[in-house]
Amino acid sequence: MSTTVFVSGATGYIAQQTISLLLSKGYNVVGSVRSAAKGENLKKLHGSKFQYEVVPVLEKQGAFDEALKSHPEVTIFLHTASPVTFAAKDNENDVLIPAINGTKYVLESIHKSAPQIKRVVYTSSVVAIASFAQIFDPTFVASEDVFNPITYEEGKAHPVSAYFASKTLAEKAAWEYVKENKPQYTLSTVNPVFVLGPQAKDEEAKGDLNATAEYIDAVYKLKKDDKIPESAGHFVDVRDVAKAHVIAFEKDEAQGKRLITYTENFNSQLILNIIRKNFPGLRERLPVGNPENVDFSHFAEVDDAKSRAILGDERISLEQSVKDTIEQALRANA
């Protein structure tokens, strides 16, 4: 009998790639969605081995109890759902509290309503490892052993700070819950850097590129005389993040570990160079910029040796990721 994996936030960008990978490997998948309409759309995309449960509000105690009780066959839980907004009116009540409490509540639901679940994988972020300033500090080393030093009070001050604080404090709350309550499951986290790459299905790439692929989208939409955006950061392809979620529960050595997913560095100019090189038909519309402007000496170092020992070294390059994303957009909108 196939193992069944529960994926929260099943409509998400990382979640859909993870679901596709799980199904390709023979797993059955149950996903949580906020509405039946979204669930039915996912069933159409992913086929009969995908089932869904409607969990309309994630951030309340017991939100997952009934969904889990309905699926005693589930033995793995991947918690990819997390509210993300940079336009909150109230940073504390709209961002910090839902993220932190939502994380505690889902772990509590698994603990009390699904005693058969043995592995939990939680989608965290590089921002739980490094602050914005640290990410662009060449003297800083980001690793599995460090946490962003941001405080709850700092998180209340600004929407971007609220996001960084919510990811940091929610992940800390997850580790604290496991330490204090000693549930029947082990916890692993996946901490991706900036995630780029194609959607799991071409149907999801119609119109504008997905918001999480905004760095590629912004360059793809440039006109001849436009200024090149200043976006830059550390990169990983969404499919490698999906793979990390699966390895996190398949490999015993991933239990209790934070797993950084990182491949190489990027900026908008480098993305532009890749598009111009690989898509001659787009060159006439796009600017040239400054092709030599690919200096990443101001970035923090990423020491992900512990993660690579578990996940392996094979990664999808930025060039391949950009190519696949643009090819998909052109196919979907043909």
Protein backbone atom coordinates (compact mmCIF):
# COMPACT_ATOMS: atom_id res chain seq x y z
CA MET A 1 0.00 0.00 0.00
CA SER A 2 1.32 3.45 -0.93
CA THR A 3 2.31 5.86 1.81
CA THR A 4 -0.04 8.83 2.11
CA VAL A 5 1.33 12.33 2.64
CA PHE A 6 -0.68 15.32 3.87
CA VAL A 7 0.35 18.67 2.33
CA SER A 8 -1.07 21.83 3.91
CA GLY A 9 -1.55 24.88 1.70
CA ALA A 10 -1.82 22.65 -1.36
CA THR A 11 -2.48 25.49 -3.83
CA GLY A 12 0.90 27.09 -3.08
CA TYR A 13 3.78 27.40 -5.53
CA ILE A 14 6.18 25.14 -3.57
CA ALA A 15 3.32 22.87 -2.48
CA GLN A 16 2.17 22.11 -6.04
CA GLN A 17 5.68 21.19 -7.18
CA THR A 18 5.99 19.00 -4.08
CA ILE A 19 2.65 17.32 -4.78
CA SER A 20 3.69 16.63 -8.39
CA LEU A 21 6.93 15.08 -7.20
CA LEU A 22 5.20 12.98 -4.53
CA LEU A 23 2.68 11.62 -7.03
CA SER A 24 5.45 10.83 -9.54
CA LYS A 25 7.19 8.80 -6.82
CA GLY A 26 4.04 6.76 -6.11
CA TYR A 27 2.83 8.48 -2.94
CA ASN A 28 -0.83 9.25 -2.32
CA VAL A 29 -1.45 12.89 -1.37
CA VAL A 30 -4.09 14.67 0.68
CA GLY A 31 -3.91 18.45 0.43
CA SER A 32 -5.58 21.14 2.49
CA VAL A 33 -7.26 23.99 0.60
CA ARG A 34 -9.32 26.97 1.69
CA SER A 35 -12.30 26.16 -0.58
CA ALA A 36 -13.81 23.19 -2.42
CA ALA A 37 -13.45 25.07 -5.72
CA LYS A 38 -9.68 25.24 -5.24
CA GLY A 39 -9.63 21.57 -4.27
CA GLU A 40 -11.52 20.53 -7.39
CA ASN A 41 -9.12 22.51 -9.56
CA LEU A 42 -6.17 20.68 -7.98
CA LYS A 43 -7.87 17.32 -8.55
CA LYS A 44 -8.17 18.19 -12.24
CA LEU A 45 -4.50 19.15 -12.37
CA HIS A 46 -3.06 16.26 -10.35
CA GLY A 47 -5.40 13.29 -10.90
CA SER A 48 -7.08 10.63 -8.82
CA LYS A 49 -4.25 9.94 -6.35
CA PHE A 50 -4.74 13.48 -5.03
CA GLN A 51 -7.49 14.12 -2.48
CA TYR A 52 -8.29 17.32 -0.63
CA GLU A 53 -9.76 18.57 2.62
CA VAL A 54 -11.17 22.07 3.07
CA VAL A 55 -9.53 23.93 5.95
CA PRO A 56 -10.84 27.48 5.49
CA VAL A 57 -8.92 29.12 8.36
CA LEU A 58 -5.45 27.80 9.23
CA GLU A 59 -4.68 30.06 12.15
CA LYS A 60 -7.11 28.75 14.77
CA GLN A 61 -6.77 25.99 17.34
CA GLY A 62 -7.97 22.63 16.07
CA ALA A 63 -8.18 23.83 12.45
CA PHE A 64 -6.71 20.56 11.14
CA ASP A 65 -8.33 18.16 13.63
CA GLU A 66 -11.20 16.96 11.46
CA ALA A 67 -9.15 16.80 8.27
CA LEU A 68 -6.58 14.59 10.00
CA LYS A 69 -9.20 12.37 11.69
CA SER A 70 -10.73 11.79 8.23
CA HIS A 71 -7.42 10.37 6.96
CA PRO A 72 -5.98 7.81 9.36
CA GLU A 73 -3.88 6.52 6.44
CA VAL A 74 -1.69 9.66 6.52
CA THR A 75 1.73 9.04 8.08
CA ILE A 76 3.68 12.10 6.80
CA PHE A 77 2.72 15.77 7.15
CA LEU A 78 4.30 18.56 5.07
CA HIS A 79 3.32 21.97 6.44
CA THR A 80 3.83 24.36 3.54
CA ALA A 81 0.93 26.70 4.33
CA SER A 82 1.85 30.09 5.71
CA PRO A 83 0.17 33.50 5.40
CA VAL A 84 2.36 35.93 3.43
CA THR A 85 1.49 39.61 3.09
CA PHE A 86 3.52 42.79 2.86
CA ALA A 87 0.43 45.02 3.01
CA ALA A 88 -0.92 44.29 6.47
CA LYS A 89 -2.69 47.12 8.30
CA ASP A 90 -1.80 45.58 11.67
CA ASN A 91 1.57 43.80 11.62
CA GLU A 92 1.06 42.12 14.97
CA ASN A 93 -2.49 40.84 14.54
CA ASP A 94 -2.42 40.22 10.78
CA VAL A 95 1.07 38.71 10.42
CA LEU A 96 2.93 37.82 13.62
CA ILE A 97 0.20 36.24 15.71
CA PRO A 98 -1.37 34.18 12.86
CA ALA A 99 2.03 32.83 11.76
CA ILE A 100 3.24 31.89 15.23
CA ASN A 101 -0.05 30.53 16.56
CA GLY A 102 -0.92 28.82 13.28
CA THR A 103 2.35 26.87 13.47
CA LYS A 104 1.74 25.82 17.08
CA TYR A 105 -1.86 24.83 16.33
CA VAL A 106 -1.03 22.60 13.36
CA LEU A 107 1.67 20.78 15.36
CA GLU A 108 -0.79 20.37 18.21
CA SER A 109 -3.45 18.97 15.83
CA ILE A 110 -0.99 16.42 14.43
CA HIS A 111 0.12 15.50 17.95
CA LYS A 112 -3.39 14.99 19.33
CA SER A 113 -5.50 13.96 16.31
CA ALA A 114 -3.07 11.89 14.20
CA PRO A 115 -0.96 9.61 16.41
CA GLN A 116 0.07 7.59 13.32
CA ILE A 117 2.01 10.52 11.80
CA LYS A 118 5.73 10.00 12.38
CA ARG A 119 7.41 12.74 10.27
CA VAL A 120 6.57 16.42 9.97
CA VAL A 121 8.36 18.72 7.52
CA TYR A 122 7.85 22.45 7.96
CA THR A 123 8.50 25.03 5.21
CA SER A 124 10.52 27.83 6.77
CA SER A 125 12.78 30.34 4.99
CA VAL A 126 16.23 31.82 4.74
CA VAL A 127 14.76 34.87 6.52
CA ALA A 128 14.53 32.70 9.64
CA ILE A 129 18.32 32.33 9.35
CA ALA A 130 19.44 35.86 8.41
CA SER A 131 18.12 39.39 8.67
CA PHE A 132 17.83 41.60 5.60
CA ALA A 133 21.07 43.36 6.57
CA GLN A 134 22.88 40.05 7.13
CA ILE A 135 21.80 38.67 3.74
CA PHE A 136 23.72 41.52 2.09
CA ASP A 137 26.69 41.48 4.47
CA PRO A 138 29.72 39.72 2.93
CA THR A 139 31.18 39.09 6.41
CA PHE A 140 28.09 37.13 7.52
CA VAL A 141 27.90 33.34 7.11
CA ALA A 142 24.37 31.92 6.86
CA SER A 143 24.20 28.32 8.07
CA GLU A 144 21.86 25.76 9.58
CA ASP A 145 23.07 26.75 13.05
CA VAL A 146 21.98 30.39 13.14
CA PHE A 147 18.69 32.22 13.54
CA ASN A 148 17.72 35.69 12.43
CA PRO A 149 18.17 37.86 15.57
CA ILE A 150 14.97 39.85 14.90
CA THR A 151 12.65 40.36 17.88
CA TYR A 152 8.87 40.35 18.18
CA GLU A 153 8.91 44.11 18.88
CA GLU A 154 11.00 44.78 15.76
CA GLY A 155 8.54 42.69 13.77
CA LYS A 156 5.66 44.98 14.71
CA ALA A 157 7.39 48.05 13.24
CA HIS A 158 7.17 47.48 9.47
CA PRO A 159 5.47 45.03 7.04
CA VAL A 160 8.80 43.64 5.77
CA SER A 161 10.11 43.31 9.33
CA ALA A 162 6.84 41.58 10.22
CA TYR A 163 7.45 38.99 7.50
CA PHE A 164 11.03 38.33 8.61
CA ALA A 165 9.95 38.12 12.26
CA SER A 166 6.94 35.91 11.52
CA LYS A 167 9.04 33.29 9.68
CA THR A 168 11.75 33.38 12.36
CA LEU A 169 9.48 33.25 15.40
CA ALA A 170 7.13 30.68 13.83
CA GLU A 171 10.04 28.33 13.15
CA LYS A 172 11.37 28.85 16.67
CA ALA A 173 7.87 28.08 17.99
CA ALA A 174 7.85 24.82 16.01
CA TRP A 175 11.14 23.62 17.50
CA GLU A 176 9.98 24.72 20.96
CA TYR A 177 6.71 22.79 20.63
CA VAL A 178 8.56 19.58 19.77
CA LYS A 179 11.07 20.08 22.56
CA GLU A 180 8.43 20.76 25.23
CA ASN A 181 5.71 18.30 24.18
CA LYS A 182 7.79 15.41 22.81
CA PRO A 183 5.18 14.34 20.22
CA GLN A 184 5.21 11.02 18.36
CA TYR A 185 6.68 12.66 15.25
CA THR A 186 10.06 14.14 14.38
CA LEU A 187 10.38 17.59 12.87
CA SER A 188 12.53 18.81 9.97
CA THR A 189 12.48 22.26 8.39
CA VAL A 190 13.27 23.33 4.83
CA ASN A 191 14.76 26.84 4.67
CA PRO A 192 14.87 28.00 1.03
CA VAL A 193 16.57 31.15 -0.23
CA PHE A 194 14.76 33.10 -3.02
CA VAL A 195 12.69 30.51 -4.89
CA LEU A 196 12.38 30.84 -8.68
CA GLY A 197 11.33 28.48 -11.45
CA PRO A 198 8.27 27.20 -13.31
CA GLN A 199 4.83 26.27 -12.06
CA ALA A 200 4.06 22.58 -11.52
CA LYS A 201 1.51 22.70 -14.37
CA ASP A 202 1.41 24.85 -17.50
CA GLU A 203 -2.24 25.70 -16.76
CA GLU A 204 -1.06 27.65 -13.72
CA ALA A 205 1.28 29.82 -15.82
CA LYS A 206 -1.36 31.58 -17.93
CA GLY A 207 -1.37 35.38 -17.84
CA ASP A 208 1.24 36.94 -15.58
CA LEU A 209 3.91 34.70 -14.15
CA ASN A 210 3.23 33.55 -10.59
CA ALA A 211 3.95 36.21 -7.95
CA THR A 212 6.71 34.10 -6.43
CA ALA A 213 8.47 34.17 -9.80
CA GLU A 214 8.26 37.97 -9.78
CA TYR A 215 12.01 38.40 -10.22
CA ILE A 216 11.90 36.63 -13.60
CA ASP A 217 8.51 38.18 -14.45
CA ALA A 218 9.79 41.72 -13.88
CA VAL A 219 12.67 41.17 -16.31
CA TYR A 220 10.55 39.30 -18.87
CA LYS A 221 8.15 42.29 -19.06
CA LEU A 222 10.84 44.93 -19.63
CA LYS A 223 10.74 47.14 -22.72
CA LYS A 224 13.75 48.38 -24.71
CA ASP A 225 14.31 51.60 -22.75
CA ASP A 226 13.30 50.39 -19.29
CA LYS A 227 15.64 50.52 -16.34
CA ILE A 228 16.80 47.12 -15.04
CA PRO A 229 15.27 46.31 -11.62
CA GLU A 230 17.72 46.14 -8.73
CA SER A 231 16.48 42.77 -7.44
CA ALA A 232 19.23 40.45 -6.27
CA GLY A 233 19.76 37.59 -3.86
CA HIS A 234 20.54 33.92 -3.31
CA PHE A 235 18.66 31.53 -5.61
CA VAL A 236 17.18 28.03 -5.57
CA ASP A 237 14.81 26.41 -8.08
CA VAL A 238 11.35 25.50 -6.79
CA ARG A 239 11.82 21.88 -7.92
CA ASP A 240 14.88 21.52 -5.72
CA VAL A 241 12.86 22.89 -2.80
CA ALA A 242 10.17 20.29 -3.51
CA LYS A 243 12.84 17.57 -3.61
CA ALA A 244 14.17 18.74 -0.25
CA HIS A 245 10.72 18.32 1.33
CA VAL A 246 10.57 14.72 0.15
CA ILE A 247 14.14 13.87 1.20
CA ALA A 248 13.40 15.47 4.59
CA PHE A 249 10.98 12.68 5.47
CA GLU A 250 12.51 9.87 3.42
CA LYS A 251 15.98 10.05 5.01
CA ASP A 252 16.44 9.25 8.68
CA GLU A 253 19.41 11.60 8.93
CA ALA A 254 17.11 14.57 8.14
CA GLN A 255 15.14 14.11 11.36
CA GLY A 256 15.51 17.08 13.69
CA LYS A 257 17.46 19.05 11.06
CA ARG A 258 17.17 22.43 9.35
CA LEU A 259 17.81 22.06 5.61
CA ILE A 260 18.98 25.08 3.65
CA THR A 261 18.22 24.96 -0.08
CA TYR A 262 20.60 27.20 -2.04
CA THR A 263 22.19 26.94 -5.49
CA GLU A 264 23.84 30.18 -6.62
CA ASN A 265 23.40 33.98 -6.64
CA PHE A 266 21.32 36.08 -9.01
CA ASN A 267 20.37 39.60 -9.93
CA SER A 268 18.03 41.03 -12.54
CA GLN A 269 20.87 41.70 -14.98
CA LEU A 270 21.94 38.07 -14.90
CA ILE A 271 18.34 36.96 -15.52
CA LEU A 272 18.20 39.41 -18.43
CA ASN A 273 21.47 38.05 -19.85
CA ILE A 274 20.06 34.50 -19.69
CA ILE A 275 16.80 35.48 -21.43
CA ARG A 276 18.62 37.39 -24.18
CA LYS A 277 21.02 34.48 -24.74
CA ASN A 278 18.35 31.77 -24.90
CA PHE A 279 15.39 33.56 -26.50
CA PRO A 280 16.54 35.43 -29.64
CA GLY A 281 12.92 36.29 -30.47
CA LEU A 282 12.64 38.40 -27.31
CA ARG A 283 15.89 40.35 -27.75
CA GLU A 284 14.42 43.12 -29.88
CA ARG A 285 11.88 43.99 -27.17
CA LEU A 286 14.24 43.73 -24.19
CA PRO A 287 16.90 46.17 -22.99
CA VAL A 288 20.58 45.21 -22.90
CA GLY A 289 21.41 46.81 -19.57
CA ASN A 290 24.97 46.30 -18.39
CA PRO A 291 25.79 42.65 -19.08
CA GLU A 292 28.91 42.83 -16.87
CA ASN A 293 26.91 43.87 -13.79
CA VAL A 294 26.93 40.46 -12.10
CA ASP A 295 29.05 41.16 -9.02
CA PHE A 296 27.89 39.26 -5.94
CA SER A 297 30.75 40.16 -3.60
CA HIS A 298 28.35 42.06 -1.31
CA PHE A 299 26.28 38.93 -0.56
CA ALA A 300 26.51 36.86 2.60
CA GLU A 301 28.23 33.52 2.32
CA VAL A 302 25.95 30.49 2.53
CA ASP A 303 27.47 27.52 4.34
CA ASP A 304 24.98 24.75 3.60
CA ALA A 305 27.43 21.84 3.95
CA LYS A 306 25.28 20.03 6.52
CA SER A 307 22.23 20.29 4.28
CA ARG A 308 24.11 19.14 1.18
CA ALA A 309 25.36 16.08 3.08
CA ILE A 310 21.69 15.05 3.34
CA LEU A 311 20.17 16.53 0.16
CA GLY A 312 23.08 15.92 -2.21
CA ASP A 313 24.81 18.44 -4.48
CA GLU A 314 22.70 18.13 -7.62
CA ARG A 315 20.85 21.39 -8.30
CA ILE A 316 18.98 23.05 -11.16
CA SER A 317 21.04 26.03 -12.32
CA LEU A 318 19.71 29.58 -12.53
CA GLU A 319 20.07 29.43 -16.32
CA GLN A 320 17.96 26.27 -16.56
CA SER A 321 15.41 27.67 -14.13
CA VAL A 322 14.97 30.90 -16.10
CA LYS A 323 14.79 29.00 -19.41
CA ASP A 324 12.14 26.61 -18.08
CA THR A 325 10.10 29.48 -16.62
CA ILE A 326 10.10 31.54 -19.82
CA GLU A 327 9.43 28.50 -22.03
CA GLN A 328 6.47 27.61 -19.84
CA ALA A 329 5.07 31.16 -20.01
CA LEU A 330 5.39 31.18 -23.79
CA ARG A 331 3.70 27.75 -24.04
CA ALA A 332 0.89 28.65 -21.67
CA ASN A 333 0.12 31.90 -23.45
CA ALA A 334 0.55 30.66 -27.03
